[in-house]
């Protein structure tokens, strides 16, 4: 991989890292909302489901990030 491609990959990895951080923030927000609406069982279940979806998205992004870092030997 030439230097230009490596720089593009580094930028892409930064985007992945930001996306993982945002997924985590969103998960925390959904967990807080779940507590706020805990009196309404259906809303609470919805926010729990949304938080769990964010966890799955975060894990997928993190795995892809690790794979790309290793694949392109970027530290």
Protein backbone atom coordinates (compact mmCIF):
# COMPACT_ATOMS: atom_id res chain seq x y z
CA UNK A 1 0.00 0.00 0.00
CA UNK A 2 1.44 3.34 -0.95
CA UNK A 3 1.53 6.31 1.41
CA UNK A 4 -1.55 8.00 -0.12
CA UNK A 5 -3.67 4.87 0.33
CA UNK A 6 -2.37 4.44 3.86
CA UNK A 7 -3.40 8.01 4.73
CA UNK A 8 -6.89 7.36 3.34
CA UNK A 9 -7.14 4.20 5.43
CA UNK A 10 -6.05 6.10 8.54
CA UNK A 11 -8.86 8.61 7.90
CA UNK A 12 -11.35 5.78 7.47
CA UNK A 13 -10.21 4.22 10.74
CA UNK A 14 -10.73 7.55 12.50
CA UNK A 15 -14.30 7.58 11.18
CA UNK A 16 -14.85 4.05 12.49
CA UNK A 17 -13.49 5.05 15.88
CA UNK A 18 -15.81 8.07 16.05
CA UNK A 19 -18.75 5.89 15.02
CA UNK A 20 -17.99 3.42 17.82
CA UNK A 21 -17.85 6.26 20.35
CA UNK A 22 -21.17 7.67 19.10
CA UNK A 23 -22.83 4.25 19.30
CA UNK A 24 -21.69 4.03 22.91
CA UNK A 25 -23.08 7.50 23.70
CA UNK A 26 -26.39 6.61 22.07
CA UNK A 27 -26.59 3.38 24.08
CA UNK A 28 -26.09 5.36 27.31
CA UNK A 29 -28.81 7.80 26.25
CA UNK A 30 -31.26 4.95 25.58
CA UNK A 31 -30.48 3.40 28.97
CA UNK A 32 -31.18 6.75 30.65
CA UNK A 33 -34.43 7.10 28.73
CA UNK A 34 -35.40 3.59 29.77
CA UNK A 35 -35.13 4.68 33.40
CA UNK A 36 -37.06 7.91 32.75
CA UNK A 37 -40.00 6.07 31.21
CA UNK A 38 -39.81 3.05 33.50
CA UNK A 39 -43.43 3.57 34.58
CA UNK A 40 -44.53 2.85 31.01
CA UNK A 41 -43.59 -0.79 30.43
CA UNK A 42 -43.88 -0.64 26.62
CA UNK A 43 -41.64 2.42 26.34
CA UNK A 44 -39.15 0.89 28.74
CA UNK A 45 -39.00 -2.27 26.63
CA UNK A 46 -38.53 -0.19 23.48
CA UNK A 47 -35.59 1.74 24.93
CA UNK A 48 -34.05 -1.47 26.23
CA UNK A 49 -34.28 -2.96 22.74
CA UNK A 50 -32.77 0.19 21.19
CA UNK A 51 -29.89 0.10 23.69
CA UNK A 52 -29.24 -3.55 22.84
CA UNK A 53 -29.22 -2.71 19.12
CA UNK A 54 -26.62 -0.02 19.76
CA UNK A 55 -24.48 -2.58 21.58
CA UNK A 56 -24.62 -4.87 18.54
CA UNK A 57 -23.76 -2.01 16.17
CA UNK A 58 -20.90 -0.93 18.41
CA UNK A 59 -19.48 -4.47 18.48
CA UNK A 60 -19.68 -4.80 14.68
CA UNK A 61 -17.95 -1.48 14.15
CA UNK A 62 -15.27 -2.28 16.71
CA UNK A 63 -14.56 -5.64 15.07
CA UNK A 64 -14.34 -4.05 11.62
CA UNK A 65 -12.03 -1.36 13.04
CA UNK A 66 -9.73 -3.99 14.55
CA UNK A 67 -9.75 -6.01 11.33
CA UNK A 68 -8.87 -3.03 9.14
CA UNK A 69 -6.14 -1.92 11.53
CA UNK A 70 -4.57 -5.35 11.46
CA UNK A 71 -5.13 -5.90 7.74
CA UNK A 72 -3.40 -2.65 6.77
CA UNK A 73 -0.84 -2.77 9.58
CA UNK A 74 -1.80 0.60 11.03
CA UNK A 75 -1.04 1.41 14.64
